[in-house]
PDB file of N, CA and C in Angstrom:
ATOM      1  N   MET A   1      58.597   9.920 -63.528  1.00  0.00           N
ATOM      2  CA  MET A   1      59.411   9.233 -64.404  1.00  0.00           C
ATOM      3  C   MET A   1      59.803   8.000 -63.823  1.00  0.00           C
ATOM      4  N   LYS A   2      60.657   8.189 -62.767  1.00  0.00           N
ATOM      5  CA  LYS A   2      61.390   7.099 -62.094  1.00  0.00           C
ATOM      6  C   LYS A   2      60.337   6.062 -61.643  1.00  0.00           C
ATOM      7  N   ASN A   3      59.399   6.578 -60.875  1.00  0.00           N
ATOM      8  CA  ASN A   3      58.321   5.729 -60.293  1.00  0.00           C
ATOM      9  C   ASN A   3      57.726   4.896 -61.464  1.00  0.00           C
ATOM     10  N   GLU A   4      57.358   5.485 -62.549  1.00  0.00           N
ATOM     11  CA  GLU A   4      56.717   4.732 -63.727  1.00  0.00           C
ATOM     12  C   GLU A   4      57.800   3.685 -64.156  1.00  0.00           C
ATOM     13  N   LEU A   5      58.845   3.874 -64.242  1.00  0.00           N
ATOM     14  CA  LEU A   5      59.811   2.906 -64.735  1.00  0.00           C
ATOM     15  C   LEU A   5      59.863   1.693 -63.615  1.00  0.00           C
ATOM     16  N   VAL A   6      59.823   1.992 -62.326  1.00  0.00           N
ATOM     17  CA  VAL A   6      59.884   1.022 -61.306  1.00  0.00           C
ATOM     18  C   VAL A   6      58.556   0.129 -61.378  1.00  0.00           C
ATOM     19  N   ILE A   7      57.382   0.803 -61.709  1.00  0.00           N
ATOM     20  CA  ILE A   7      56.035   0.201 -61.734  1.00  0.00           C
ATOM     21  C   ILE A   7      56.189  -0.889 -63.094  1.00  0.00           C
ATOM     22  N   ARG A   8      56.561  -0.260 -64.195  1.00  0.00           N
ATOM     23  CA  ARG A   8      56.694  -1.155 -65.294  1.00  0.00           C
ATOM     24  C   ARG A   8      57.636  -2.280 -65.135  1.00  0.00           C
ATOM     25  N   ARG A   9      58.617  -2.092 -64.397  1.00  0.00           N
ATOM     26  CA  ARG A   9      59.524  -3.281 -64.140  1.00  0.00           C
ATOM     27  C   ARG A   9      58.755  -4.487 -63.203  1.00  0.00           C
ATOM     28  N   ILE A  10      58.072  -3.872 -62.287  1.00  0.00           N
ATOM     29  CA  ILE A  10      57.355  -4.666 -61.371  1.00  0.00           C
ATOM     30  C   ILE A  10      56.283  -5.579 -62.169  1.00  0.00           C
ATOM     31  N   ILE A  11      55.597  -4.704 -63.126  1.00  0.00           N
ATOM     32  CA  ILE A  11      54.591  -5.469 -64.031  1.00  0.00           C
ATOM     33  C   ILE A  11      55.190  -6.605 -64.894  1.00  0.00           C
ATOM     34  N   GLU A  12      56.401  -6.192 -65.417  1.00  0.00           N
ATOM     35  CA  GLU A  12      57.161  -7.237 -66.377  1.00  0.00           C
ATOM     36  C   GLU A  12      57.615  -8.391 -65.533  1.00  0.00           C
ATOM     37  N   VAL A  13      57.902  -8.291 -64.373  1.00  0.00           N
ATOM     38  CA  VAL A  13      58.398  -9.411 -63.627  1.00  0.00           C
ATOM     39  C   VAL A  13      57.179 -10.280 -63.142  1.00  0.00           C
ATOM     40  N   GLY A  14      56.145  -9.673 -62.893  1.00  0.00           N
ATOM     41  CA  GLY A  14      54.947 -10.292 -62.585  1.00  0.00           C
ATOM     42  C   GLY A  14      54.420 -11.185 -64.057  1.00  0.00           C
ATOM     43  N   ALA A  15      54.538 -10.529 -65.071  1.00  0.00           N
ATOM     44  CA  ALA A  15      54.235 -11.121 -66.256  1.00  0.00           C
ATOM     45  C   ALA A  15      55.128 -12.235 -66.703  1.00  0.00           C
ATOM     46  N   LEU A  16      56.424 -12.124 -66.469  1.00  0.00           N
ATOM     47  CA  LEU A  16      57.536 -13.280 -66.576  1.00  0.00           C
ATOM     48  C   LEU A  16      57.125 -14.427 -65.512  1.00  0.00           C
ATOM     49  N   PHE A  17      56.768 -14.120 -64.560  1.00  0.00           N
ATOM     50  CA  PHE A  17      56.550 -15.134 -63.516  1.00  0.00           C
ATOM     51  C   PHE A  17      55.280 -15.882 -63.894  1.00  0.00           C
ATOM     52  N   LEU A  18      54.219 -15.213 -64.311  1.00  0.00           N
ATOM     53  CA  LEU A  18      52.975 -16.029 -64.940  1.00  0.00           C
ATOM     54  C   LEU A  18      53.314 -16.708 -66.045  1.00  0.00           C
ATOM     55  N   ILE A  19      54.130 -16.259 -66.894  1.00  0.00           N
ATOM     56  CA  ILE A  19      54.348 -17.107 -68.267  1.00  0.00           C
ATOM     57  C   ILE A  19      55.359 -18.380 -67.650  1.00  0.00           C
ATOM     58  N   GLY A  20      56.312 -18.171 -66.968  1.00  0.00           N
ATOM     59  CA  GLY A  20      57.303 -19.171 -66.524  1.00  0.00           C
ATOM     60  C   GLY A  20      56.644 -20.200 -65.745  1.00  0.00           C
ATOM     61  N   ASP A  21      55.780 -19.713 -64.781  1.00  0.00           N
ATOM     62  CA  ASP A  21      55.034 -20.829 -63.951  1.00  0.00           C
ATOM     63  C   ASP A  21      54.002 -21.466 -64.783  1.00  0.00           C
ATOM     64  N   GLY A  22      53.254 -20.634 -65.589  1.00  0.00           N
ATOM     65  CA  GLY A  22      52.330 -21.521 -66.533  1.00  0.00           C
ATOM     66  C   GLY A  22      52.954 -22.574 -67.415  1.00  0.00           C
ATOM     67  N   ILE A  23      54.096 -22.130 -68.060  1.00  0.00           N
ATOM     68  CA  ILE A  23      54.872 -23.203 -68.893  1.00  0.00           C
ATOM     69  C   ILE A  23      55.262 -24.352 -67.915  1.00  0.00           C
ATOM     70  N   MET A  24      55.859 -24.236 -66.856  1.00  0.00           N
ATOM     71  CA  MET A  24      56.174 -25.198 -65.986  1.00  0.00           C
ATOM     72  C   MET A  24      55.115 -26.108 -65.551  1.00  0.00           C
ATOM     73  N   GLY A  25      53.940 -25.482 -65.415  1.00  0.00           N
ATOM     74  CA  GLY A  25      52.727 -26.220 -65.044  1.00  0.00           C
ATOM     75  C   GLY A  25      52.134 -27.106 -66.346  1.00  0.00           C
ATOM     76  N   LEU A  26      52.400 -26.524 -67.491  1.00  0.00           N
ATOM     77  CA  LEU A  26      51.945 -27.269 -68.686  1.00  0.00           C
ATOM     78  C   LEU A  26      52.937 -28.316 -68.851  1.00  0.00           C
ATOM     79  N   ILE A  27      54.194 -28.326 -68.649  1.00  0.00           N
ATOM     80  CA  ILE A  27      54.952 -29.534 -68.825  1.00  0.00           C
ATOM     81  C   ILE A  27      54.846 -30.568 -67.713  1.00  0.00           C
ATOM     82  N   LYS A  28      54.661 -30.310 -66.537  1.00  0.00           N
ATOM     83  CA  LYS A  28      54.588 -31.333 -65.461  1.00  0.00           C
ATOM     84  C   LYS A  28      53.471 -30.943 -64.535  1.00  0.00           C
ATOM     85  N   PRO A  29      52.140 -31.054 -65.030  1.00  0.00           N
ATOM     86  CA  PRO A  29      51.152 -30.302 -64.169  1.00  0.00           C
ATOM     87  C   PRO A  29      50.928 -30.937 -62.636  1.00  0.00           C
ATOM     88  N   CYS A  30      51.145 -32.248 -62.554  1.00  0.00           N
ATOM     89  CA  CYS A  30      51.102 -32.875 -61.091  1.00  0.00           C
ATOM     90  C   CYS A  30      52.173 -32.602 -60.254  1.00  0.00           C
ATOM     91  N   TRP A  31      53.341 -32.661 -60.793  1.00  0.00           N
ATOM     92  CA  TRP A  31      54.527 -32.218 -59.893  1.00  0.00           C
ATOM     93  C   TRP A  31      54.560 -30.717 -59.667  1.00  0.00           C
ATOM     94  N   HIS A  32      54.302 -29.955 -60.686  1.00  0.00           N
ATOM     95  CA  HIS A  32      54.293 -28.528 -60.386  1.00  0.00           C
ATOM     96  C   HIS A  32      53.344 -28.061 -59.406  1.00  0.00           C
ATOM     97  N   SER A  33      52.195 -28.702 -59.316  1.00  0.00           N
ATOM     98  CA  SER A  33      50.965 -28.362 -58.485  1.00  0.00           C
ATOM     99  C   SER A  33      51.496 -28.891 -57.132  1.00  0.00           C
ATOM    100  N   ARG A  34      52.089 -29.946 -56.974  1.00  0.00           N
ATOM    101  CA  ARG A  34      52.610 -30.400 -55.560  1.00  0.00           C
ATOM    102  C   ARG A  34      53.690 -29.475 -55.134  1.00  0.00           C
ATOM    103  N   ILE A  35      54.569 -28.812 -55.843  1.00  0.00           N
ATOM    104  CA  ILE A  35      55.589 -28.091 -55.219  1.00  0.00           C
ATOM    105  C   ILE A  35      55.066 -26.895 -54.536  1.00  0.00           C
ATOM    106  N   TRP A  36      53.901 -26.453 -54.832  1.00  0.00           N
ATOM    107  CA  TRP A  36      53.193 -25.117 -54.260  1.00  0.00           C
ATOM    108  C   TRP A  36      52.302 -25.668 -53.167  1.00  0.00           C
ATOM    109  N   HIS A  37      52.346 -26.942 -52.673  1.00  0.00           N
ATOM    110  CA  HIS A  37      51.295 -27.386 -51.644  1.00  0.00           C
ATOM    111  C   HIS A  37      51.925 -26.900 -50.324  1.00  0.00           C
ATOM    112  N   PHE A  38      51.536 -25.596 -49.924  1.00  0.00           N
ATOM    113  CA  PHE A  38      51.866 -25.100 -48.529  1.00  0.00           C
ATOM    114  C   PHE A  38      50.887 -23.937 -48.341  1.00  0.00           C
ATOM    115  N   GLY A  39      51.060 -23.422 -47.200  1.00  0.00           N
ATOM    116  CA  GLY A  39      50.277 -22.375 -46.902  1.00  0.00           C
ATOM    117  C   GLY A  39      48.971 -22.593 -46.353  1.00  0.00           C
ATOM    118  N   PRO A  40      47.940 -21.583 -46.476  1.00  0.00           N
ATOM    119  CA  PRO A  40      46.541 -21.726 -45.951  1.00  0.00           C
ATOM    120  C   PRO A  40      45.931 -22.895 -46.515  1.00  0.00           C
ATOM    121  N   GLN A  41      45.040 -23.416 -45.789  1.00  0.00           N
ATOM    122  CA  GLN A  41      44.239 -24.584 -46.119  1.00  0.00           C
ATOM    123  C   GLN A  41      43.557 -24.506 -47.558  1.00  0.00           C
ATOM    124  N   LEU A  42      43.137 -23.341 -47.890  1.00  0.00           N
ATOM    125  CA  LEU A  42      42.590 -23.056 -49.234  1.00  0.00           C
ATOM    126  C   LEU A  42      43.558 -23.469 -50.389  1.00  0.00           C
ATOM    127  N   ALA A  43      44.699 -22.788 -50.079  1.00  0.00           N
ATOM    128  CA  ALA A  43      45.945 -23.055 -51.059  1.00  0.00           C
ATOM    129  C   ALA A  43      46.186 -24.429 -51.355  1.00  0.00           C
ATOM    130  N   GLN A  44      46.306 -25.129 -50.101  1.00  0.00           N
ATOM    131  CA  GLN A  44      46.466 -26.607 -50.186  1.00  0.00           C
ATOM    132  C   GLN A  44      45.419 -27.267 -50.876  1.00  0.00           C
ATOM    133  N   ALA A  45      44.296 -27.022 -50.614  1.00  0.00           N
ATOM    134  CA  ALA A  45      43.251 -27.669 -51.237  1.00  0.00           C
ATOM    135  C   ALA A  45      43.207 -27.522 -52.879  1.00  0.00           C
ATOM    136  N   VAL A  46      43.537 -26.247 -53.362  1.00  0.00           N
ATOM    137  CA  VAL A  46      43.409 -26.008 -54.755  1.00  0.00           C
ATOM    138  C   VAL A  46      44.567 -26.667 -55.309  1.00  0.00           C
ATOM    139  N   THR A  47      45.863 -26.592 -54.735  1.00  0.00           N
ATOM    140  CA  THR A  47      46.932 -27.366 -55.321  1.00  0.00           C
ATOM    141  C   THR A  47      46.893 -28.864 -55.352  1.00  0.00           C
ATOM    142  N   GLU A  48      46.197 -29.443 -54.348  1.00  0.00           N
ATOM    143  CA  GLU A  48      45.840 -30.794 -54.224  1.00  0.00           C
ATOM    144  C   GLU A  48      44.932 -31.289 -55.430  1.00  0.00           C
ATOM    145  N   GLU A  49      43.945 -30.372 -55.605  1.00  0.00           N
ATOM    146  CA  GLU A  49      42.980 -30.692 -56.657  1.00  0.00           C
ATOM    147  C   GLU A  49      43.686 -30.676 -58.120  1.00  0.00           C
ATOM    148  N   LEU A  50      44.457 -29.570 -58.269  1.00  0.00           N
ATOM    149  CA  LEU A  50      45.172 -29.505 -59.688  1.00  0.00           C
ATOM    150  C   LEU A  50      46.075 -30.814 -59.715  1.00  0.00           C
ATOM    151  N   ALA A  51      46.838 -31.140 -58.735  1.00  0.00           N
ATOM    152  CA  ALA A  51      47.710 -32.294 -58.828  1.00  0.00           C
ATOM    153  C   ALA A  51      46.965 -33.662 -59.093  1.00  0.00           C
ATOM    154  N   ASP A  52      45.750 -33.845 -58.705  1.00  0.00           N
ATOM    155  CA  ASP A  52      44.889 -34.908 -58.836  1.00  0.00           C
ATOM    156  C   ASP A  52      44.173 -34.885 -60.198  1.00  0.00           C
ATOM    157  N   HIS A  53      44.074 -33.736 -60.796  1.00  0.00           N
ATOM    158  CA  HIS A  53      43.321 -33.557 -62.225  1.00  0.00           C
ATOM    159  C   HIS A  53      44.233 -32.785 -63.196  1.00  0.00           C
ATOM    160  N   PRO A  54      45.266 -33.496 -63.733  1.00  0.00           N
ATOM    161  CA  PRO A  54      46.241 -32.971 -64.512  1.00  0.00           C
ATOM    162  C   PRO A  54      45.651 -32.067 -65.804  1.00  0.00           C
ATOM    163  N   ASN A  55      44.462 -32.636 -66.447  1.00  0.00           N
ATOM    164  CA  ASN A  55      43.944 -31.922 -67.636  1.00  0.00           C
ATOM    165  C   ASN A  55      43.458 -30.523 -67.073  1.00  0.00           C
ATOM    166  N   THR A  56      42.726 -30.506 -65.940  1.00  0.00           N
ATOM    167  CA  THR A  56      42.191 -29.152 -65.369  1.00  0.00           C
ATOM    168  C   THR A  56      43.322 -28.406 -65.096  1.00  0.00           C
ATOM    169  N   ALA A  57      44.590 -29.005 -64.522  1.00  0.00           N
ATOM    170  CA  ALA A  57      45.662 -28.106 -64.228  1.00  0.00           C
ATOM    171  C   ALA A  57      46.286 -27.479 -65.382  1.00  0.00           C
ATOM    172  N   ARG A  58      46.512 -28.268 -66.520  1.00  0.00           N
ATOM    173  CA  ARG A  58      46.968 -27.748 -67.887  1.00  0.00           C
ATOM    174  C   ARG A  58      45.942 -26.717 -68.348  1.00  0.00           C
ATOM    175  N   ALA A  59      44.771 -26.599 -68.111  1.00  0.00           N
ATOM    176  CA  ALA A  59      43.862 -25.655 -68.543  1.00  0.00           C
ATOM    177  C   ALA A  59      44.283 -24.358 -67.666  1.00  0.00           C
ATOM    178  N   VAL A  60      44.336 -24.578 -66.326  1.00  0.00           N
ATOM    179  CA  VAL A  60      44.578 -23.425 -65.483  1.00  0.00           C
ATOM    180  C   VAL A  60      46.029 -22.706 -65.841  1.00  0.00           C
ATOM    181  N   TYR A  61      46.921 -23.671 -66.116  1.00  0.00           N
ATOM    182  CA  TYR A  61      48.449 -23.229 -66.483  1.00  0.00           C
ATOM    183  C   TYR A  61      48.288 -22.565 -67.786  1.00  0.00           C
ATOM    184  N   ALA A  62      47.570 -22.900 -68.871  1.00  0.00           N
ATOM    185  CA  ALA A  62      47.412 -22.312 -70.018  1.00  0.00           C
ATOM    186  C   ALA A  62      46.899 -20.887 -69.903  1.00  0.00           C
ATOM    187  N   ALA A  63      45.940 -20.770 -69.078  1.00  0.00           N
ATOM    188  CA  ALA A  63      45.051 -19.534 -68.926  1.00  0.00           C
ATOM    189  C   ALA A  63      46.368 -18.552 -68.274  1.00  0.00           C
ATOM    190  N   GLU A  64      47.078 -19.172 -67.231  1.00  0.00           N
ATOM    191  CA  GLU A  64      48.138 -18.345 -66.716  1.00  0.00           C
ATOM    192  C   GLU A  64      49.017 -17.693 -67.529  1.00  0.00           C
ATOM    193  N   VAL A  65      49.518 -18.563 -68.473  1.00  0.00           N
ATOM    194  CA  VAL A  65      50.358 -18.051 -69.605  1.00  0.00           C
ATOM    195  C   VAL A  65      49.785 -17.047 -70.424  1.00  0.00           C
ATOM    196  N   ALA A  66      48.550 -17.211 -70.955  1.00  0.00           N
ATOM    197  CA  ALA A  66      47.783 -16.388 -71.671  1.00  0.00           C
ATOM    198  C   ALA A  66      47.582 -14.943 -70.803  1.00  0.00           C
ATOM    199  N   ILE A  67      47.199 -14.948 -69.640  1.00  0.00           N
ATOM    200  CA  ILE A  67      47.226 -13.738 -68.949  1.00  0.00           C
ATOM    201  C   ILE A  67      48.449 -13.075 -68.999  1.00  0.00           C
ATOM    202  N   GLY A  68      49.743 -13.804 -68.530  1.00  0.00           N
ATOM    203  CA  GLY A  68      51.001 -13.193 -68.523  1.00  0.00           C
ATOM    204  C   GLY A  68      51.457 -12.558 -69.953  1.00  0.00           C
ATOM    205  N   ILE A  69      51.010 -13.275 -71.028  1.00  0.00           N
ATOM    206  CA  ILE A  69      51.384 -12.695 -72.405  1.00  0.00           C
ATOM    207  C   ILE A  69      50.520 -11.451 -72.727  1.00  0.00           C
ATOM    208  N   VAL A  70      49.244 -11.366 -72.158  1.00  0.00           N
ATOM    209  CA  VAL A  70      48.443 -10.105 -72.410  1.00  0.00           C
ATOM    210  C   VAL A  70      49.130  -8.951 -71.414  1.00  0.00           C
ATOM    211  N   ILE A  71      49.297  -9.350 -70.222  1.00  0.00           N
ATOM    212  CA  ILE A  71      49.959  -8.289 -69.335  1.00  0.00           C
ATOM    213  C   ILE A  71      51.341  -7.740 -69.899  1.00  0.00           C
ATOM    214  N   ALA A  72      51.975  -8.629 -70.312  1.00  0.00           N
ATOM    215  CA  ALA A  72      53.494  -8.269 -71.080  1.00  0.00           C
ATOM    216  C   ALA A  72      53.233  -7.239 -72.315  1.00  0.00           C
ATOM    217  N   SER A  73      52.161  -7.691 -73.208  1.00  0.00           N
ATOM    218  CA  SER A  73      52.183  -7.113 -74.411  1.00  0.00           C
ATOM    219  C   SER A  73      51.245  -5.632 -74.144  1.00  0.00           C
ATOM    220  N   CYS A  74      50.488  -5.561 -73.143  1.00  0.00           N
ATOM    221  CA  CYS A  74      49.799  -4.479 -72.860  1.00  0.00           C
ATOM    222  C   CYS A  74      50.609  -3.411 -72.032  1.00  0.00           C
ATOM    223  N   SER A  75      51.696  -3.851 -71.307  1.00  0.00           N
ATOM    224  CA  SER A  75      52.525  -3.032 -70.495  1.00  0.00           C
ATOM    225  C   SER A  75      53.704  -2.483 -71.378  1.00  0.00           C
ATOM    226  N   THR A  76      53.993  -2.771 -72.615  1.00  0.00           N
ATOM    227  CA  THR A  76      55.070  -2.398 -73.422  1.00  0.00           C
ATOM    228  C   THR A  76      54.521  -1.346 -74.426  1.00  0.00           C
ATOM    229  N   PRO A  77      55.426  -0.327 -74.747  1.00  0.00           N
ATOM    230  CA  PRO A  77      55.071   0.669 -75.750  1.00  0.00           C
ATOM    231  C   PRO A  77      55.044   0.041 -77.083  1.00  0.00           C
ATOM    232  N   GLU A  78      54.201   0.567 -77.944  1.00  0.00           N
ATOM    233  CA  GLU A  78      53.892  -0.303 -79.309  1.00  0.00           C
ATOM    234  C   GLU A  78      55.232  -0.006 -80.137  1.00  0.00           C
ATOM    235  N   ASN A  79      55.919   0.988 -80.045  1.00  0.00           N
ATOM    236  CA  ASN A  79      57.131   1.386 -80.814  1.00  0.00           C
ATOM    237  C   ASN A  79      58.630   0.770 -80.282  1.00  0.00           C
ATOM    238  N   GLN A  80      58.449  -0.144 -79.311  1.00  0.00           N
ATOM    239  CA  GLN A  80      59.631  -0.906 -78.987  1.00  0.00           C
ATOM    240  C   GLN A  80      59.477  -2.309 -79.188  1.00  0.00           C
TER     241      GLN A  80
END
């Protein structure tokens, strides 16, 4: 029971992160993409492309919000 609660909390935090990050990206896609411009070359290339193409970035961030909402809605019991 305790492990299940920990797992549900981790899933909820992940959903919160996806939703929040996606909304920030929808508001300011270029700026938000640039703040994540670090790490491996592949990650830098992706964030650079998103920063250069704000409409594509908005689509990616909207999908991120949708995925977060689906995760949040699927991970909560129906009666709560």
